[in-house]
PDB file of N, CA and C in Angstrom:
ATOM      1  N   MET A   1     131.216  48.091-160.052  1.00  0.00           N
ATOM      2  CA  MET A   1     131.570  49.315-160.445  1.00  0.00           C
ATOM      3  C   MET A   1     130.436  50.415-161.984  1.00  0.00           C
ATOM      4  N   SER A   2     130.382  51.668-161.604  1.00  0.00           N
ATOM      5  CA  SER A   2     129.459  51.423-163.332  1.00  0.00           C
ATOM      6  C   SER A   2     130.014  52.365-164.344  1.00  0.00           C
ATOM      7  N   VAL A   3     129.065  53.085-164.907  1.00  0.00           N
ATOM      8  CA  VAL A   3     130.121  54.013-166.431  1.00  0.00           C
ATOM      9  C   VAL A   3     128.899  54.884-166.885  1.00  0.00           C
ATOM     10  N   TYR A   4     129.379  56.397-167.023  1.00  0.00           N
ATOM     11  CA  TYR A   4     128.796  56.962-166.714  1.00  0.00           C
ATOM     12  C   TYR A   4     129.122  58.056-168.268  1.00  0.00           C
ATOM     13  N   VAL A   5     127.878  58.250-168.916  1.00  0.00           N
ATOM     14  CA  VAL A   5     128.290  58.489-170.084  1.00  0.00           C
ATOM     15  C   VAL A   5     127.738  60.421-170.441  1.00  0.00           C
ATOM     16  N   THR A   6     128.748  61.464-170.332  1.00  0.00           N
ATOM     17  CA  THR A   6     127.583  62.620-170.420  1.00  0.00           C
ATOM     18  C   THR A   6     128.397  63.121-172.211  1.00  0.00           C
ATOM     19  N   VAL A   7     126.982  63.821-172.923  1.00  0.00           N
ATOM     20  CA  VAL A   7     127.487  64.701-174.435  1.00  0.00           C
ATOM     21  C   VAL A   7     126.990  65.800-173.827  1.00  0.00           C
ATOM     22  N   VAL A   8     127.556  66.785-174.741  1.00  0.00           N
ATOM     23  CA  VAL A   8     127.637  67.676-174.655  1.00  0.00           C
ATOM     24  C   VAL A   8     127.345  68.344-176.040  1.00  0.00           C
ATOM     25  N   ALA A   9     126.664  69.085-176.833  1.00  0.00           N
ATOM     26  CA  ALA A   9     126.355  69.156-177.884  1.00  0.00           C
ATOM     27  C   ALA A   9     126.349  70.615-177.557  1.00  0.00           C
ATOM     28  N   GLU A  10     127.027  71.605-178.746  1.00  0.00           N
ATOM     29  CA  GLU A  10     127.072  72.796-179.166  1.00  0.00           C
ATOM     30  C   GLU A  10     126.627  73.696-180.371  1.00  0.00           C
ATOM     31  N   ASN A  11     125.718  74.127-180.532  1.00  0.00           N
ATOM     32  CA  ASN A  11     125.095  74.635-181.956  1.00  0.00           C
ATOM     33  C   ASN A  11     126.220  75.854-182.767  1.00  0.00           C
ATOM     34  N   ALA A  12     125.643  76.402-183.763  1.00  0.00           N
ATOM     35  CA  ALA A  12     126.994  77.534-184.380  1.00  0.00           C
ATOM     36  C   ALA A  12     126.503  78.644-183.516  1.00  0.00           C
ATOM     37  N   ALA A  13     125.401  78.506-182.493  1.00  0.00           N
ATOM     38  CA  ALA A  13     125.261  79.689-181.932  1.00  0.00           C
ATOM     39  C   ALA A  13     125.982  79.819-180.701  1.00  0.00           C
ATOM     40  N   GLY A  14     126.897  78.801-180.211  1.00  0.00           N
ATOM     41  CA  GLY A  14     127.153  78.905-179.099  1.00  0.00           C
ATOM     42  C   GLY A  14     127.062  78.320-178.271  1.00  0.00           C
ATOM     43  N   LEU A  15     125.406  77.921-178.065  1.00  0.00           N
ATOM     44  CA  LEU A  15     124.209  77.176-177.164  1.00  0.00           C
ATOM     45  C   LEU A  15     124.882  75.840-176.322  1.00  0.00           C
ATOM     46  N   GLN A  16     124.470  75.627-175.954  1.00  0.00           N
ATOM     47  CA  GLN A  16     124.712  74.384-175.555  1.00  0.00           C
ATOM     48  C   GLN A  16     123.924  73.683-174.663  1.00  0.00           C
ATOM     49  N   VAL A  17     123.764  71.779-174.713  1.00  0.00           N
ATOM     50  CA  VAL A  17     122.633  71.206-173.881  1.00  0.00           C
ATOM     51  C   VAL A  17     123.570  70.278-173.508  1.00  0.00           C
ATOM     52  N   SER A  18     123.320  69.375-172.743  1.00  0.00           N
ATOM     53  CA  SER A  18     123.845  68.544-172.499  1.00  0.00           C
ATOM     54  C   SER A  18     122.726  67.938-171.557  1.00  0.00           C
ATOM     55  N   LEU A  19     123.551  65.831-171.639  1.00  0.00           N
ATOM     56  CA  LEU A  19     122.909  64.405-171.766  1.00  0.00           C
ATOM     57  C   LEU A  19     123.902  63.769-170.707  1.00  0.00           C
ATOM     58  N   HIS A  20     122.921  63.654-169.996  1.00  0.00           N
ATOM     59  CA  HIS A  20     123.761  62.338-168.210  1.00  0.00           C
ATOM     60  C   HIS A  20     123.468  61.213-168.554  1.00  0.00           C
ATOM     61  N   SER A  21     123.693  60.059-169.184  1.00  0.00           N
ATOM     62  CA  SER A  21     123.140  58.757-168.988  1.00  0.00           C
ATOM     63  C   SER A  21     123.323  58.705-167.017  1.00  0.00           C
ATOM     64  N   ASP A  22     122.283  57.727-167.295  1.00  0.00           N
ATOM     65  CA  ASP A  22     122.257  56.537-165.975  1.00  0.00           C
ATOM     66  C   ASP A  22     123.641  55.222-165.778  1.00  0.00           C
ATOM     67  N   GLY A  23     124.318  55.153-165.169  1.00  0.00           N
ATOM     68  CA  GLY A  23     125.196  54.360-164.566  1.00  0.00           C
ATOM     69  C   GLY A  23     124.661  52.901-165.409  1.00  0.00           C
ATOM     70  N   GLN A  24     126.033  52.540-166.324  1.00  0.00           N
ATOM     71  CA  GLN A  24     126.012  52.106-166.726  1.00  0.00           C
ATOM     72  C   GLN A  24     126.805  50.005-166.154  1.00  0.00           C
ATOM     73  N   PRO A  25     126.180  49.390-165.819  1.00  0.00           N
ATOM     74  CA  PRO A  25     127.414  48.901-164.620  1.00  0.00           C
ATOM     75  C   PRO A  25     128.143  48.059-165.625  1.00  0.00           C
ATOM     76  N   VAL A  26     129.623  47.870-165.187  1.00  0.00           N
ATOM     77  CA  VAL A  26     130.931  47.441-166.083  1.00  0.00           C
ATOM     78  C   VAL A  26     130.812  45.965-164.575  1.00  0.00           C
ATOM     79  N   ASP A  27     131.217  45.047-166.330  1.00  0.00           N
ATOM     80  CA  ASP A  27     131.428  43.505-165.544  1.00  0.00           C
ATOM     81  C   ASP A  27     131.870  43.066-166.324  1.00  0.00           C
ATOM     82  N   ALA A  28     133.003  42.339-165.779  1.00  0.00           N
ATOM     83  CA  ALA A  28     134.258  42.010-166.629  1.00  0.00           C
ATOM     84  C   ALA A  28     134.381  40.455-165.903  1.00  0.00           C
ATOM     85  N   THR A  29     134.148  39.916-165.112  1.00  0.00           N
ATOM     86  CA  THR A  29     133.986  38.384-165.473  1.00  0.00           C
ATOM     87  C   THR A  29     132.777  37.537-165.580  1.00  0.00           C
ATOM     88  N   ALA A  30     132.530  36.615-165.984  1.00  0.00           N
ATOM     89  CA  ALA A  30     132.168  35.247-166.102  1.00  0.00           C
ATOM     90  C   ALA A  30     131.390  35.513-164.835  1.00  0.00           C
ATOM     91  N   PRO A  31     130.242  34.726-165.336  1.00  0.00           N
ATOM     92  CA  PRO A  31     129.250  34.350-163.398  1.00  0.00           C
ATOM     93  C   PRO A  31     130.193  33.325-163.333  1.00  0.00           C
ATOM     94  N   HIS A  32     130.207  33.104-161.597  1.00  0.00           N
ATOM     95  CA  HIS A  32     130.850  31.707-161.002  1.00  0.00           C
ATOM     96  C   HIS A  32     129.702  30.503-161.208  1.00  0.00           C
ATOM     97  N   MET A  33     130.253  29.353-161.326  1.00  0.00           N
ATOM     98  CA  MET A  33     129.929  28.004-161.427  1.00  0.00           C
ATOM     99  C   MET A  33     130.258  26.828-160.450  1.00  0.00           C
ATOM    100  N   CYS A  34     128.850  26.143-159.467  1.00  0.00           N
ATOM    101  CA  CYS A  34     130.088  25.531-159.435  1.00  0.00           C
ATOM    102  C   CYS A  34     128.723  24.109-158.769  1.00  0.00           C
ATOM    103  N   CYS A  35     129.325  22.617-158.754  1.00  0.00           N
ATOM    104  CA  CYS A  35     128.725  22.214-158.223  1.00  0.00           C
ATOM    105  C   CYS A  35     127.376  21.209-159.511  1.00  0.00           C
ATOM    106  N   ILE A  36     127.921  20.571-160.520  1.00  0.00           N
ATOM    107  CA  ILE A  36     126.399  19.599-161.128  1.00  0.00           C
ATOM    108  C   ILE A  36     126.219  18.941-159.945  1.00  0.00           C
ATOM    109  N   MET A  37     124.477  18.086-159.611  1.00  0.00           N
ATOM    110  CA  MET A  37     124.746  17.241-158.909  1.00  0.00           C
ATOM    111  C   MET A  37     123.314  16.231-159.264  1.00  0.00           C
ATOM    112  N   THR A  38     123.053  15.791-158.835  1.00  0.00           N
ATOM    113  CA  THR A  38     121.418  14.563-160.179  1.00  0.00           C
ATOM    114  C   THR A  38     120.356  14.788-158.500  1.00  0.00           C
ATOM    115  N   SER A  39     119.649  14.507-159.027  1.00  0.00           N
ATOM    116  CA  SER A  39     118.247  14.880-157.576  1.00  0.00           C
ATOM    117  C   SER A  39     118.476  14.289-156.820  1.00  0.00           C
ATOM    118  N   GLU A  40     119.447  12.948-156.487  1.00  0.00           N
ATOM    119  CA  GLU A  40     119.610  12.222-155.706  1.00  0.00           C
ATOM    120  C   GLU A  40     120.611  12.575-154.142  1.00  0.00           C
ATOM    121  N   GLY A  41     121.372  13.716-155.153  1.00  0.00           N
ATOM    122  CA  GLY A  41     121.689  14.906-154.116  1.00  0.00           C
ATOM    123  C   GLY A  41     124.198  14.034-153.941  1.00  0.00           C
ATOM    124  N   HIS A  42     123.536  13.139-155.116  1.00  0.00           N
ATOM    125  CA  HIS A  42     125.082  12.695-155.759  1.00  0.00           C
ATOM    126  C   HIS A  42     126.310  14.176-156.277  1.00  0.00           C
ATOM    127  N   ALA A  43     127.206  14.192-155.803  1.00  0.00           N
ATOM    128  CA  ALA A  43     128.591  14.786-156.586  1.00  0.00           C
ATOM    129  C   ALA A  43     129.326  14.873-157.150  1.00  0.00           C
ATOM    130  N   SER A  44     129.351  12.910-156.996  1.00  0.00           N
ATOM    131  CA  SER A  44     130.452  12.526-157.090  1.00  0.00           C
ATOM    132  C   SER A  44     131.252  11.237-156.746  1.00  0.00           C
ATOM    133  N   PRO A  45     131.136  10.300-157.976  1.00  0.00           N
ATOM    134  CA  PRO A  45     130.352  10.196-158.787  1.00  0.00           C
ATOM    135  C   PRO A  45     129.164  10.344-158.743  1.00  0.00           C
ATOM    136  N   LEU A  46     128.261  10.772-159.907  1.00  0.00           N
ATOM    137  CA  LEU A  46     126.861  11.443-159.871  1.00  0.00           C
ATOM    138  C   LEU A  46     126.821  10.196-160.694  1.00  0.00           C
ATOM    139  N   HIS A  47     125.124   9.178-160.329  1.00  0.00           N
ATOM    140  CA  HIS A  47     124.439   8.077-160.537  1.00  0.00           C
ATOM    141  C   HIS A  47     123.301   8.816-161.496  1.00  0.00           C
ATOM    142  N   ILE A  48     123.068   8.112-162.287  1.00  0.00           N
ATOM    143  CA  ILE A  48     121.880   7.615-162.531  1.00  0.00           C
ATOM    144  C   ILE A  48     120.552   6.587-162.481  1.00  0.00           C
ATOM    145  N   THR A  49     119.885   6.902-162.129  1.00  0.00           N
ATOM    146  CA  THR A  49     119.116   5.384-161.138  1.00  0.00           C
ATOM    147  C   THR A  49     117.760   5.766-161.844  1.00  0.00           C
ATOM    148  N   THR A  50     117.161   6.201-162.919  1.00  0.00           N
ATOM    149  CA  THR A  50     116.028   5.557-163.741  1.00  0.00           C
ATOM    150  C   THR A  50     115.834   6.629-164.937  1.00  0.00           C
ATOM    151  N   SER A  51     115.496   6.960-165.752  1.00  0.00           N
ATOM    152  CA  SER A  51     115.140   6.904-167.363  1.00  0.00           C
ATOM    153  C   SER A  51     115.061   8.459-166.824  1.00  0.00           C
ATOM    154  N   VAL A  52     114.899   9.138-165.491  1.00  0.00           N
ATOM    155  CA  VAL A  52     114.588  10.354-165.863  1.00  0.00           C
ATOM    156  C   VAL A  52     115.424  11.279-164.849  1.00  0.00           C
ATOM    157  N   LEU A  53     116.591  12.142-165.458  1.00  0.00           N
ATOM    158  CA  LEU A  53     117.471  13.093-165.154  1.00  0.00           C
ATOM    159  C   LEU A  53     117.716  13.805-164.590  1.00  0.00           C
ATOM    160  N   SER A  54     117.725  14.469-163.289  1.00  0.00           N
ATOM    161  CA  SER A  54     117.467  16.006-163.232  1.00  0.00           C
ATOM    162  C   SER A  54     118.592  16.744-162.352  1.00  0.00           C
ATOM    163  N   VAL A  55     119.354  17.813-163.119  1.00  0.00           N
ATOM    164  CA  VAL A  55     120.318  18.262-162.516  1.00  0.00           C
ATOM    165  C   VAL A  55     119.819  19.677-161.365  1.00  0.00           C
ATOM    166  N   THR A  56     121.236  20.146-161.149  1.00  0.00           N
ATOM    167  CA  THR A  56     121.113  20.938-160.064  1.00  0.00           C
ATOM    168  C   THR A  56     122.271  21.615-160.272  1.00  0.00           C
ATOM    169  N   TRP A  57     122.847  22.932-159.878  1.00  0.00           N
ATOM    170  CA  TRP A  57     124.191  23.536-159.887  1.00  0.00           C
ATOM    171  C   TRP A  57     124.053  24.830-159.481  1.00  0.00           C
ATOM    172  N   SER A  58     125.237  25.306-158.991  1.00  0.00           N
ATOM    173  CA  SER A  58     125.281  26.820-158.353  1.00  0.00           C
ATOM    174  C   SER A  58     125.720  27.846-159.525  1.00  0.00           C
ATOM    175  N   VAL A  59     124.735  28.708-159.992  1.00  0.00           N
ATOM    176  CA  VAL A  59     125.326  30.152-160.933  1.00  0.00           C
ATOM    177  C   VAL A  59     124.601  31.246-159.902  1.00  0.00           C
ATOM    178  N   GLN A  60     126.105  33.111-160.378  1.00  0.00           N
ATOM    179  CA  GLN A  60     125.652  32.960-159.920  1.00  0.00           C
ATOM    180  C   GLN A  60     126.926  34.699-160.203  1.00  0.00           C
ATOM    181  N   ASP A  61     126.107  35.696-160.169  1.00  0.00           N
ATOM    182  CA  ASP A  61     126.613  37.014-160.409  1.00  0.00           C
ATOM    183  C   ASP A  61     126.411  38.459-160.018  1.00  0.00           C
ATOM    184  N   GLU A  62     126.883  38.821-159.302  1.00  0.00           N
ATOM    185  CA  GLU A  62     126.910  39.699-158.315  1.00  0.00           C
ATOM    186  C   GLU A  62     127.137  40.715-159.120  1.00  0.00           C
ATOM    187  N   GLU A  63     127.700  40.930-160.393  1.00  0.00           N
ATOM    188  CA  GLU A  63     128.230  43.038-160.974  1.00  0.00           C
ATOM    189  C   GLU A  63     127.197  42.353-162.122  1.00  0.00           C
ATOM    190  N   SER A  64     126.080  41.658-162.520  1.00  0.00           N
ATOM    191  CA  SER A  64     125.758  41.785-163.690  1.00  0.00           C
ATOM    192  C   SER A  64     124.163  41.299-163.520  1.00  0.00           C
ATOM    193  N   GLY A  65     124.646  39.548-162.713  1.00  0.00           N
ATOM    194  CA  GLY A  65     123.822  39.261-162.960  1.00  0.00           C
ATOM    195  C   GLY A  65     123.042  37.926-163.783  1.00  0.00           C
ATOM    196  N   VAL A  66     122.505  37.094-163.136  1.00  0.00           N
ATOM    197  CA  VAL A  66     123.067  35.862-164.553  1.00  0.00           C
ATOM    198  C   VAL A  66     121.282  36.006-165.502  1.00  0.00           C
ATOM    199  N   LYS A  67     121.812  36.283-166.580  1.00  0.00           N
ATOM    200  CA  LYS A  67     120.406  36.501-167.635  1.00  0.00           C
ATOM    201  C   LYS A  67     120.449  34.915-168.267  1.00  0.00           C
ATOM    202  N   SER A  68     121.075  33.816-169.137  1.00  0.00           N
ATOM    203  CA  SER A  68     120.279  32.444-169.112  1.00  0.00           C
ATOM    204  C   SER A  68     121.321  31.366-168.697  1.00  0.00           C
ATOM    205  N   CYS A  69     120.851  29.487-168.795  1.00  0.00           N
ATOM    206  CA  CYS A  69     121.736  28.957-168.769  1.00  0.00           C
ATOM    207  C   CYS A  69     121.304  27.753-169.740  1.00  0.00           C
ATOM    208  N   GLU A  70     121.608  27.031-170.170  1.00  0.00           N
ATOM    209  CA  GLU A  70     121.579  25.812-170.764  1.00  0.00           C
ATOM    210  C   GLU A  70     122.443  24.627-170.665  1.00  0.00           C
ATOM    211  N   TRP A  71     121.671  24.193-171.538  1.00  0.00           N
ATOM    212  CA  TRP A  71     122.544  22.379-170.706  1.00  0.00           C
ATOM    213  C   TRP A  71     122.577  21.291-171.779  1.00  0.00           C
ATOM    214  N   SER A  72     123.816  20.339-172.143  1.00  0.00           N
ATOM    215  CA  SER A  72     123.795  18.941-172.659  1.00  0.00           C
ATOM    216  C   SER A  72     124.336  18.283-172.292  1.00  0.00           C
ATOM    217  N   ILE A  73     123.578  16.657-172.643  1.00  0.00           N
ATOM    218  CA  ILE A  73     124.593  15.751-172.203  1.00  0.00           C
ATOM    219  C   ILE A  73     125.151  14.797-173.678  1.00  0.00           C
ATOM    220  N   GLY A  74     126.361  14.377-173.155  1.00  0.00           N
ATOM    221  CA  GLY A  74     127.062  13.528-174.111  1.00  0.00           C
ATOM    222  C   GLY A  74     127.741  12.669-173.502  1.00  0.00           C
ATOM    223  N   HIS A  75     128.086  11.598-174.129  1.00  0.00           N
ATOM    224  CA  HIS A  75     129.163  10.405-173.549  1.00  0.00           C
ATOM    225  C   HIS A  75     130.255  10.663-173.684  1.00  0.00           C
ATOM    226  N   SER A  76     130.766  11.766-174.181  1.00  0.00           N
ATOM    227  CA  SER A  76     132.836  12.546-172.928  1.00  0.00           C
ATOM    228  C   SER A  76     131.915  14.093-172.942  1.00  0.00           C
ATOM    229  N   PRO A  77     133.509  14.725-171.974  1.00  0.00           N
ATOM    230  CA  PRO A  77     132.898  15.584-171.173  1.00  0.00           C
ATOM    231  C   PRO A  77     132.655  16.951-172.903  1.00  0.00           C
ATOM    232  N   GLY A  78     131.994  17.660-172.604  1.00  0.00           N
ATOM    233  CA  GLY A  78     131.136  18.382-173.227  1.00  0.00           C
ATOM    234  C   GLY A  78     130.613  18.163-174.429  1.00  0.00           C
ATOM    235  N   SER A  79     130.443  17.503-174.666  1.00  0.00           N
ATOM    236  CA  SER A  79     129.524  15.927-175.901  1.00  0.00           C
ATOM    237  C   SER A  79     128.119  16.672-175.538  1.00  0.00           C
ATOM    238  N   GLN A  80     127.418  16.657-177.163  1.00  0.00           N
ATOM    239  CA  GLN A  80     126.488  16.108-177.041  1.00  0.00           C
ATOM    240  C   GLN A  80     124.987  15.160-178.004  1.00  0.00           C
ATOM    241  N   GLU A  81     125.513  14.257-177.692  1.00  0.00           N
ATOM    242  CA  GLU A  81     124.836  13.098-178.177  1.00  0.00           C
ATOM    243  C   GLU A  81     123.482  12.729-177.742  1.00  0.00           C
ATOM    244  N   LEU A  82     123.301  13.027-177.114  1.00  0.00           N
ATOM    245  CA  LEU A  82     121.728  12.783-176.142  1.00  0.00           C
ATOM    246  C   LEU A  82     121.264  14.054-175.945  1.00  0.00           C
ATOM    247  N   LEU A  83     121.746  14.883-176.051  1.00  0.00           N
ATOM    248  CA  LEU A  83     121.109  16.072-175.365  1.00  0.00           C
ATOM    249  C   LEU A  83     121.613  17.495-176.185  1.00  0.00           C
ATOM    250  N   ALA A  84     121.124  17.587-177.163  1.00  0.00           N
ATOM    251  CA  ALA A  84     121.823  19.263-177.809  1.00  0.00           C
ATOM    252  C   ALA A  84     122.143  20.055-176.900  1.00  0.00           C
ATOM    253  N   LEU A  85     122.668  21.299-176.983  1.00  0.00           N
ATOM    254  CA  LEU A  85     122.882  22.271-175.989  1.00  0.00           C
ATOM    255  C   LEU A  85     121.487  23.449-175.851  1.00  0.00           C
ATOM    256  N   THR A  86     121.108  23.354-174.619  1.00  0.00           N
ATOM    257  CA  THR A  86     119.202  22.879-174.425  1.00  0.00           C
ATOM    258  C   THR A  86     119.561  24.835-173.641  1.00  0.00           C
ATOM    259  N   ALA A  87     118.627  25.780-173.856  1.00  0.00           N
ATOM    260  CA  ALA A  87     117.962  26.335-172.989  1.00  0.00           C
ATOM    261  C   ALA A  87     117.143  26.037-171.266  1.00  0.00           C
ATOM    262  N   THR A  88     117.312  27.068-170.579  1.00  0.00           N
ATOM    263  CA  THR A  88     117.241  25.826-168.877  1.00  0.00           C
ATOM    264  C   THR A  88     115.813  27.171-169.101  1.00  0.00           C
ATOM    265  N   ASP A  89     115.066  26.246-168.423  1.00  0.00           N
ATOM    266  CA  ASP A  89     113.856  26.662-167.781  1.00  0.00           C
ATOM    267  C   ASP A  89     114.080  27.986-166.545  1.00  0.00           C
ATOM    268  N   THR A  90     115.192  27.419-165.584  1.00  0.00           N
ATOM    269  CA  THR A  90     115.334  28.163-164.960  1.00  0.00           C
ATOM    270  C   THR A  90     117.019  28.012-164.735  1.00  0.00           C
ATOM    271  N   LEU A  91     117.420  29.331-163.750  1.00  0.00           N
ATOM    272  CA  LEU A  91     119.178  29.110-163.810  1.00  0.00           C
ATOM    273  C   LEU A  91     119.818  28.172-163.371  1.00  0.00           C
ATOM    274  N   GLN A  92     118.730  27.452-162.683  1.00  0.00           N
ATOM    275  CA  GLN A  92     119.637  26.351-161.294  1.00  0.00           C
ATOM    276  C   GLN A  92     119.555  24.826-161.416  1.00  0.00           C
ATOM    277  N   SER A  93     118.492  24.092-162.613  1.00  0.00           N
ATOM    278  CA  SER A  93     118.232  23.229-162.806  1.00  0.00           C
ATOM    279  C   SER A  93     117.521  23.425-164.048  1.00  0.00           C
ATOM    280  N   SER A  94     117.794  21.713-164.371  1.00  0.00           N
ATOM    281  CA  SER A  94     117.000  21.006-165.359  1.00  0.00           C
ATOM    282  C   SER A  94     116.472  19.714-165.629  1.00  0.00           C
ATOM    283  N   THR A  95     115.826  19.057-165.859  1.00  0.00           N
ATOM    284  CA  THR A  95     115.113  17.340-166.047  1.00  0.00           C
ATOM    285  C   THR A  95     114.779  17.587-167.009  1.00  0.00           C
ATOM    286  N   ILE A  96     115.276  16.065-167.279  1.00  0.00           N
ATOM    287  CA  ILE A  96     114.848  15.457-168.964  1.00  0.00           C
ATOM    288  C   ILE A  96     113.674  13.835-169.062  1.00  0.00           C
ATOM    289  N   ASN A  97     114.376  13.819-169.996  1.00  0.00           N
ATOM    290  CA  ASN A  97     113.564  11.620-169.521  1.00  0.00           C
ATOM    291  C   ASN A  97     114.449  11.253-170.906  1.00  0.00           C
ATOM    292  N   LEU A  98     115.252  10.671-170.503  1.00  0.00           N
ATOM    293  CA  LEU A  98     116.192  10.196-171.444  1.00  0.00           C
ATOM    294  C   LEU A  98     115.566   8.748-172.046  1.00  0.00           C
ATOM    295  N   GLY A  99     114.208   8.237-171.011  1.00  0.00           N
ATOM    296  CA  GLY A  99     113.742   6.958-171.969  1.00  0.00           C
ATOM    297  C   GLY A  99     115.040   5.873-171.771  1.00  0.00           C
ATOM    298  N   ASN A 100     114.932   5.075-173.118  1.00  0.00           N
ATOM    299  CA  ASN A 100     115.248   3.589-172.979  1.00  0.00           C
ATOM    300  C   ASN A 100     117.092   4.491-173.828  1.00  0.00           C
ATOM    301  N   SER A 101     116.580   5.649-173.700  1.00  0.00           N
ATOM    302  CA  SER A 101     118.659   5.963-174.721  1.00  0.00           C
ATOM    303  C   SER A 101     119.517   5.887-174.111  1.00  0.00           C
ATOM    304  N   VAL A 102     119.212   5.539-172.226  1.00  0.00           N
ATOM    305  CA  VAL A 102     120.771   5.249-172.084  1.00  0.00           C
ATOM    306  C   VAL A 102     120.456   3.928-171.036  1.00  0.00           C
ATOM    307  N   THR A 103     121.376   3.077-171.335  1.00  0.00           N
ATOM    308  CA  THR A 103     121.759   1.914-170.382  1.00  0.00           C
ATOM    309  C   THR A 103     122.758   1.375-169.737  1.00  0.00           C
ATOM    310  N   HIS A 104     122.681   0.508-168.657  1.00  0.00           N
ATOM    311  CA  HIS A 104     123.206   0.585-167.481  1.00  0.00           C
ATOM    312  C   HIS A 104     124.604   0.328-167.660  1.00  0.00           C
ATOM    313  N   GLN A 105     125.217   0.933-166.715  1.00  0.00           N
ATOM    314  CA  GLN A 105     127.158   1.288-166.999  1.00  0.00           C
ATOM    315  C   GLN A 105     127.289   2.012-168.197  1.00  0.00           C
ATOM    316  N   MET A 106     125.930   3.123-168.823  1.00  0.00           N
ATOM    317  CA  MET A 106     126.831   3.765-169.764  1.00  0.00           C
ATOM    318  C   MET A 106     127.608   5.522-169.698  1.00  0.00           C
ATOM    319  N   THR A 107     127.865   5.547-169.798  1.00  0.00           N
ATOM    320  CA  THR A 107     129.431   6.724-169.863  1.00  0.00           C
ATOM    321  C   THR A 107     128.495   8.236-170.070  1.00  0.00           C
ATOM    322  N   LEU A 108     127.978   9.020-169.453  1.00  0.00           N
ATOM    323  CA  LEU A 108     127.449  10.515-169.721  1.00  0.00           C
ATOM    324  C   LEU A 108     127.890  11.582-168.599  1.00  0.00           C
ATOM    325  N   TYR A 109     127.772  12.525-169.284  1.00  0.00           N
ATOM    326  CA  TYR A 109     128.466  14.097-168.704  1.00  0.00           C
ATOM    327  C   TYR A 109     126.947  14.818-169.259  1.00  0.00           C
ATOM    328  N   VAL A 110     127.377  15.733-168.304  1.00  0.00           N
ATOM    329  CA  VAL A 110     126.573  17.388-168.002  1.00  0.00           C
ATOM    330  C   VAL A 110     126.938  17.914-168.506  1.00  0.00           C
ATOM    331  N   THR A 111     126.809  19.135-169.560  1.00  0.00           N
ATOM    332  CA  THR A 111     127.645  20.012-169.726  1.00  0.00           C
ATOM    333  C   THR A 111     126.738  21.165-169.555  1.00  0.00           C
ATOM    334  N   VAL A 112     127.367  22.211-168.796  1.00  0.00           N
ATOM    335  CA  VAL A 112     125.687  23.459-168.199  1.00  0.00           C
ATOM    336  C   VAL A 112     126.834  24.740-169.038  1.00  0.00           C
ATOM    337  N   ARG A 113     125.825  25.703-169.740  1.00  0.00           N
ATOM    338  CA  ARG A 113     126.645  26.913-169.785  1.00  0.00           C
ATOM    339  C   ARG A 113     126.140  27.869-169.073  1.00  0.00           C
ATOM    340  N   CYS A 114     126.657  28.978-168.473  1.00  0.00           N
ATOM    341  CA  CYS A 114     125.615  30.159-168.467  1.00  0.00           C
ATOM    342  C   CYS A 114     125.902  31.874-169.090  1.00  0.00           C
ATOM    343  N   GLU A 115     125.091  32.607-168.863  1.00  0.00           N
ATOM    344  CA  GLU A 115     125.627  33.944-169.734  1.00  0.00           C
ATOM    345  C   GLU A 115     124.740  34.349-168.653  1.00  0.00           C
ATOM    346  N   ASN A 116     126.104  36.006-168.159  1.00  0.00           N
ATOM    347  CA  ASN A 116     125.087  37.176-167.706  1.00  0.00           C
ATOM    348  C   ASN A 116     125.385  38.367-168.241  1.00  0.00           C
ATOM    349  N   ASN A 117     124.674  38.693-167.763  1.00  0.00           N
ATOM    350  CA  ASN A 117     123.948  40.542-168.875  1.00  0.00           C
ATOM    351  C   ASN A 117     124.770  40.754-169.073  1.00  0.00           C
ATOM    352  N   MET A 118     126.159  40.894-169.263  1.00  0.00           N
ATOM    353  CA  MET A 118     127.736  41.527-169.743  1.00  0.00           C
ATOM    354  C   MET A 118     128.161  40.086-171.765  1.00  0.00           C
ATOM    355  N   GLU A 119     126.743  39.415-170.964  1.00  0.00           N
ATOM    356  CA  GLU A 119     127.246  38.360-172.157  1.00  0.00           C
ATOM    357  C   GLU A 119     128.407  37.596-171.966  1.00  0.00           C
ATOM    358  N   LEU A 120     129.198  37.586-171.228  1.00  0.00           N
ATOM    359  CA  LEU A 120     130.048  36.970-170.461  1.00  0.00           C
ATOM    360  C   LEU A 120     129.655  35.165-170.646  1.00  0.00           C
ATOM    361  N   MET A 121     130.698  33.781-170.423  1.00  0.00           N
ATOM    362  CA  MET A 121     129.790  32.600-170.086  1.00  0.00           C
ATOM    363  C   MET A 121     130.652  32.083-169.786  1.00  0.00           C
ATOM    364  N   SER A 122     130.194  30.802-168.815  1.00  0.00           N
ATOM    365  CA  SER A 122     130.941  30.084-167.855  1.00  0.00           C
ATOM    366  C   SER A 122     130.289  28.116-168.455  1.00  0.00           C
ATOM    367  N   SER A 123     131.296  27.503-168.367  1.00  0.00           N
ATOM    368  CA  SER A 123     131.227  26.788-168.656  1.00  0.00           C
ATOM    369  C   SER A 123     131.688  25.339-167.416  1.00  0.00           C
ATOM    370  N   LEU A 124     130.481  24.784-167.197  1.00  0.00           N
ATOM    371  CA  LEU A 124     130.801  23.355-165.590  1.00  0.00           C
ATOM    372  C   LEU A 124     130.710  22.356-166.487  1.00  0.00           C
ATOM    373  N   ILE A 125     131.117  21.203-166.425  1.00  0.00           N
ATOM    374  CA  ILE A 125     131.343  20.052-167.158  1.00  0.00           C
ATOM    375  C   ILE A 125     131.225  19.024-165.789  1.00  0.00           C
ATOM    376  N   SER A 126     130.079  18.038-165.617  1.00  0.00           N
ATOM    377  CA  SER A 126     129.923  17.383-164.551  1.00  0.00           C
ATOM    378  C   SER A 126     131.666  15.763-164.610  1.00  0.00           C
ATOM    379  N   ASP A 127     130.838  15.624-163.203  1.00  0.00           N
ATOM    380  CA  ASP A 127     131.630  13.905-163.280  1.00  0.00           C
ATOM    381  C   ASP A 127     131.164  13.232-163.983  1.00  0.00           C
ATOM    382  N   VAL A 128     131.709  12.090-164.419  1.00  0.00           N
ATOM    383  CA  VAL A 128     131.493  11.137-164.984  1.00  0.00           C
ATOM    384  C   VAL A 128     130.338  10.765-164.743  1.00  0.00           C
ATOM    385  N   LEU A 129     128.924  10.185-164.767  1.00  0.00           N
ATOM    386  CA  LEU A 129     127.210  10.010-164.553  1.00  0.00           C
ATOM    387  C   LEU A 129     127.075   8.277-165.631  1.00  0.00           C
ATOM    388  N   HIS A 130     126.770   7.595-164.629  1.00  0.00           N
ATOM    389  CA  HIS A 130     126.875   5.990-165.007  1.00  0.00           C
ATOM    390  C   HIS A 130     125.322   5.457-164.115  1.00  0.00           C
TER     391      HIS A 130
END
């Protein structure tokens, strides 16, 4: 759905001029997000087998489009101890080298947050990573 605006101006002599806008999209819904997965294709539970963590997710917004995504990594759902909320290079994946900051059986969670072109946001938190 689009919204159109018409402006009519009239001077003291009664002359009028009107302008019409191009349609502007109306989007009252945040982006739809699904399925954080590791590079190995695991969805639940997620497993870390190297110090490099690559994750993908699905995001779409048919009304206004997806503007940007950010991600973070922490020890509890939504936390950011290992990676503060950071813009992703693409809208559906990101990779980080965690180096020595991850130990065997450490519990981690990935949070992904995406914004559409109407500035509405959605968040998705992964299942636990080990």
